[in-house]
Structures are given as C-alpha cells and as structure tokens.
Amino acid sequence: MAEQAASYIDDVQNTVSEEEVKFNPNLPGSSTGTVKKNTKGKIIHSGQKIIIYNIYFKYRNEEKLSKTSAVKSTVSDTGISRASVWKIVSEMELTGSVSSPPKHRERKNFYEKLDEDQHNTIRYIVHSFFLRNEPPTLAKVLAAVQENETLPLMGKTSLWHILRKMGFKYEKKGKHPLLVDRPEIILWRRRYINKINTFR
C-alpha cells in the first residue's frame, strides 16, 4: 500500500506554522509496494515532511532497520528522492522539527516598480515631442527621461518595455523608427491642439 502512503503525502497541505510542526508517531506510517517517483523540483512542505519522517521512523523503530535501509524503504514507499529523505531525517534529528521552503516572490518588472506619477511623467515626455512636431525616437525620449530627476535611471530596453506597456509602438517612417501612440490618444491629442489654436 505504498501507493496510499505516497498519495497521502501528496495531498497533505502546509496548513500549520513552523512552530507547530513536530513529529507525531500516530501519523500514517510505512507500507510496501512501488509508487510513482516524486516530480523533480516539486516543493515538499512541512506537513509532507512529517509524513515522510514517520514512515522512516517506523522502519527504524518497529522493523529495526539500519538508517540506510530505512531510508531506502522510505524512498520506495513515497517516491521521494533519497537525498530529500536524508535531508528530512537530518533536519528532524538536529532540530526536532521541519520547516517549509520560503515562498517564491514574483519579481516586479521595471514598469511595475514605477508609480502612477512616474508613468504619467514618461507619457508627458513622449507627448511633448508630438506637440513640438519633433520625431520621438527612443534615443531622444531616453535622454529626456534621464534628465528628469523624478525618474530612476534606466536603459533603452527598460524604457522600451515601459512604453510598450503604456500602449506605444514603433513604426518605420523614413530612416528611423518612430514612437506612435494608440489611435484614441492620437485623436485626443489632435483635438487638444485644435482647441489651443482656436483660443489663440
């Protein structure tokens, strides 16, 4: 019934804190048979580690196997790699408890690191080129961005990713590719310029 042991381990969720995770001899123990090998790189949470250690513990204490033999049997029952079982056993014997690996935090991209005011500043810089009827190349926009003290230093690649997120794109016009805004923004800008000319 090794399949049941492995299935139980796979279903256990990490619902207890690190301080609460202690060895409990009444948790499911060992069994025999063959099971599917654990997926490489899959995280083993604290609750699952306890089940694995209980299986090892029963082999050691009830069947009086050596450490190596107990680990080998635990690997056979659970599908967990030998290195992982040894690590769990060592952690439990050294500290009396086990812990879950730290949660992976998603890394923010450059666009997400900027706040709304900084997004608006970059947009204003680009629009200022349009208002001056000056072709807004990436190099020119980057130079203007780097001169602005409210914006962090960035390279061409980071700036281009930010501009794309804002809805800008490049179009080939003449020798140099130029920044082009979304159609609705282009229409708004034309109306804005017309209003300025009307009131002059």
Protein backbone atom coordinates (compact mmCIF):
# COMPACT_ATOMS: atom_id res chain seq x y z
CA MET A 1 0.00 0.00 0.00
CA ALA A 2 2.87 2.28 -0.79
CA GLU A 3 0.58 3.97 -3.28
CA GLN A 4 -1.66 5.11 -0.41
CA ALA A 5 1.29 6.49 1.56
CA ALA A 6 2.55 8.43 -1.43
CA SER A 7 -0.95 9.69 -2.24
CA TYR A 8 -1.45 10.83 1.35
CA ILE A 9 1.84 12.72 1.30
CA ASP A 10 0.91 14.39 -1.97
CA ASP A 11 -2.47 15.52 -0.58
CA VAL A 12 -1.17 16.97 2.70
CA GLN A 13 -1.29 20.77 2.60
CA ASN A 14 1.04 23.04 4.54
CA THR A 15 -1.61 24.37 6.94
CA VAL A 16 0.46 24.60 10.14
CA SER A 17 3.14 27.04 11.19
CA GLU A 18 6.80 26.08 11.51
CA GLU A 19 6.50 26.10 15.33
CA GLU A 20 3.57 23.64 15.22
CA VAL A 21 5.34 21.12 13.00
CA LYS A 22 6.57 18.40 15.36
CA PHE A 23 6.99 14.66 15.00
CA ASN A 24 3.80 12.68 15.66
CA PRO A 25 4.14 8.88 15.75
CA ASN A 26 0.38 8.48 15.22
CA LEU A 27 0.52 9.89 11.67
CA PRO A 28 0.37 7.36 8.76
CA GLY A 29 3.35 5.06 8.69
CA SER A 30 5.07 2.79 6.25
CA SER A 31 3.83 0.27 3.77
CA THR A 32 5.22 -1.80 0.92
CA GLY A 33 4.96 -1.70 -2.86
CA THR A 34 6.06 0.51 -5.72
CA VAL A 35 4.94 4.07 -6.31
CA LYS A 36 5.38 6.82 -8.89
CA LYS A 37 8.53 8.85 -8.36
CA ASN A 38 8.08 12.37 -6.99
CA THR A 39 8.34 15.12 -9.63
CA LYS A 40 11.81 16.64 -9.71
CA GLY A 41 11.89 20.14 -8.23
CA LYS A 42 8.47 19.78 -6.58
CA ILE A 43 8.33 21.54 -3.20
CA ILE A 44 7.95 19.30 -0.13
CA HIS A 45 6.03 21.19 2.55
CA SER A 46 6.42 20.74 6.30
CA GLY A 47 3.29 18.59 6.68
CA GLN A 48 4.51 16.25 3.95
CA LYS A 49 7.96 16.07 5.54
CA ILE A 50 6.38 14.86 8.79
CA ILE A 51 4.62 12.02 6.98
CA ILE A 52 7.89 11.03 5.30
CA TYR A 53 9.74 11.08 8.61
CA ASN A 54 7.02 8.94 10.26
CA ILE A 55 7.46 6.30 7.58
CA TYR A 56 11.23 6.34 8.12
CA PHE A 57 10.75 6.29 11.93
CA LYS A 58 8.57 3.17 11.81
CA TYR A 59 11.08 1.33 9.66
CA ARG A 60 13.83 2.23 12.13
CA ASN A 61 11.97 1.52 15.36
CA GLU A 62 9.38 -1.13 14.56
CA GLU A 63 11.25 -3.14 11.93
CA LYS A 64 14.67 -2.33 13.42
CA LEU A 65 16.23 -1.45 10.06
CA SER A 66 19.51 0.41 9.77
CA LYS A 67 19.39 4.09 8.80
CA THR A 68 20.40 3.33 5.23
CA SER A 69 17.83 0.53 4.88
CA ALA A 70 15.09 2.65 6.47
CA VAL A 71 15.81 5.50 4.07
CA LYS A 72 15.80 3.09 1.12
CA SER A 73 12.40 1.68 2.18
CA THR A 74 11.01 5.18 2.71
CA VAL A 75 12.13 6.15 -0.79
CA SER A 76 10.38 3.05 -2.16
CA ASP A 77 7.15 3.86 -0.27
CA THR A 78 6.93 7.56 -1.06
CA GLY A 79 8.66 8.15 -4.38
CA ILE A 80 10.66 10.95 -2.74
CA SER A 81 14.34 11.04 -3.74
CA ARG A 82 16.92 9.50 -1.42
CA ALA A 83 18.69 12.86 -0.99
CA SER A 84 15.43 14.52 0.10
CA VAL A 85 14.64 11.77 2.62
CA TRP A 86 18.14 12.01 4.12
CA LYS A 87 17.75 15.79 4.36
CA ILE A 88 14.39 15.46 6.14
CA VAL A 89 15.77 12.87 8.57
CA SER A 90 18.80 15.06 9.35
CA GLU A 91 16.63 18.15 9.87
CA MET A 92 14.31 16.31 12.25
CA GLU A 93 17.14 14.72 14.24
CA LEU A 94 19.04 18.00 14.56
CA THR A 95 16.14 20.37 15.36
CA GLY A 96 13.20 18.19 16.36
CA SER A 97 11.04 19.84 13.70
CA VAL A 98 10.87 20.54 9.98
CA SER A 99 10.12 23.67 8.01
CA SER A 100 8.71 24.56 4.61
CA PRO A 101 10.89 26.28 2.00
CA PRO A 102 10.37 30.06 1.72
CA LYS A 103 7.66 31.16 -0.69
CA HIS A 104 8.90 32.37 -4.03
CA ARG A 105 8.15 36.04 -4.60
CA GLU A 106 7.45 37.21 -8.09
CA ARG A 107 9.98 39.69 -9.30
CA LYS A 108 8.49 43.01 -10.39
CA ASN A 109 9.39 44.29 -13.82
CA PHE A 110 10.58 47.85 -14.35
CA TYR A 111 7.11 49.07 -15.33
CA GLU A 112 5.55 47.75 -12.11
CA LYS A 113 8.25 49.39 -9.98
CA LEU A 114 7.20 52.84 -11.19
CA ASP A 115 4.24 54.62 -9.61
CA GLU A 116 1.39 56.30 -11.48
CA ASP A 117 3.01 59.75 -11.33
CA GLN A 118 6.18 58.39 -12.94
CA HIS A 119 4.12 56.68 -15.68
CA ASN A 120 2.40 60.00 -16.38
CA THR A 121 5.74 61.82 -16.46
CA ILE A 122 7.11 59.46 -19.11
CA ARG A 123 3.90 59.78 -21.11
CA TYR A 124 4.13 63.58 -20.89
CA ILE A 125 7.75 63.48 -22.12
CA VAL A 126 6.71 61.49 -25.19
CA HIS A 127 3.69 63.71 -25.86
CA SER A 128 5.86 66.81 -25.59
CA PHE A 129 7.77 65.62 -28.68
CA PHE A 130 4.48 65.27 -30.57
CA LEU A 131 3.37 68.76 -29.51
CA ARG A 132 6.65 70.20 -30.80
CA ASN A 133 6.27 68.23 -34.04
CA GLU A 134 9.59 66.60 -33.26
CA PRO A 135 10.07 62.91 -34.18
CA PRO A 136 10.15 60.98 -30.85
CA THR A 137 12.91 58.42 -31.35
CA LEU A 138 13.75 56.08 -28.49
CA ALA A 139 17.15 57.74 -28.04
CA LYS A 140 15.60 61.20 -27.69
CA VAL A 141 12.96 60.01 -25.23
CA LEU A 142 15.60 58.18 -23.19
CA ALA A 143 17.75 61.32 -23.00
CA ALA A 144 14.75 63.32 -21.74
CA VAL A 145 13.86 60.62 -19.21
CA GLN A 146 17.41 60.51 -17.86
CA GLU A 147 17.35 64.29 -17.37
CA ASN A 148 14.20 64.10 -15.26
CA GLU A 149 15.07 63.89 -11.55
CA THR A 150 11.76 62.26 -10.60
CA LEU A 151 12.51 59.19 -12.73
CA PRO A 152 15.01 56.40 -11.97
CA LEU A 153 17.92 55.68 -14.28
CA MET A 154 17.07 53.15 -16.96
CA GLY A 155 18.42 51.80 -20.23
CA LYS A 156 16.88 51.61 -23.69
CA THR A 157 15.48 48.11 -23.16
CA SER A 158 13.72 49.01 -19.89
CA LEU A 159 12.31 52.21 -21.38
CA TRP A 160 11.02 50.35 -24.43
CA HIS A 161 9.23 47.79 -22.22
CA ILE A 162 7.63 50.64 -20.25
CA LEU A 163 6.50 52.42 -23.41
CA ARG A 164 5.00 49.22 -24.82
CA LYS A 165 3.06 48.69 -21.57
CA MET A 166 1.71 52.23 -21.98
CA GLY A 167 0.43 51.42 -25.45
CA PHE A 168 3.16 53.00 -27.59
CA LYS A 169 4.61 51.16 -30.56
CA TYR A 170 7.25 51.77 -33.21
CA GLU A 171 6.57 52.39 -36.87
CA LYS A 172 9.13 52.68 -39.62
CA LYS A 173 8.91 56.18 -41.08
CA GLY A 174 11.89 57.20 -43.17
CA LYS A 175 15.32 56.15 -41.93
CA HIS A 176 14.45 55.95 -38.22
CA PRO A 177 11.67 54.06 -36.40
CA LEU A 178 9.39 56.49 -34.54
CA LEU A 179 7.17 56.09 -31.49
CA VAL A 180 3.47 56.01 -32.28
CA ASP A 181 0.70 56.29 -29.69
CA ARG A 182 -2.62 54.43 -29.55
CA PRO A 183 -5.22 55.69 -32.10
CA GLU A 184 -7.54 57.09 -29.41
CA ILE A 185 -4.66 59.05 -27.86
CA ILE A 186 -3.67 60.41 -31.28
CA LEU A 187 -7.26 61.60 -31.81
CA TRP A 188 -7.38 63.20 -28.35
CA ARG A 189 -4.07 64.98 -28.99
CA ARG A 190 -5.30 66.38 -32.32
CA ARG A 191 -8.43 67.72 -30.66
CA TYR A 192 -6.32 69.23 -27.89
CA ILE A 193 -4.05 71.03 -30.39
CA ASN A 194 -7.06 72.27 -32.36
CA LYS A 195 -8.58 73.75 -29.20
CA ILE A 196 -5.31 75.54 -28.38
CA ASN A 197 -5.17 77.01 -31.89
CA THR A 198 -8.81 78.10 -31.65
CA PHE A 199 -8.24 80.14 -28.47
CA ARG A 200 -5.08 81.85 -29.74
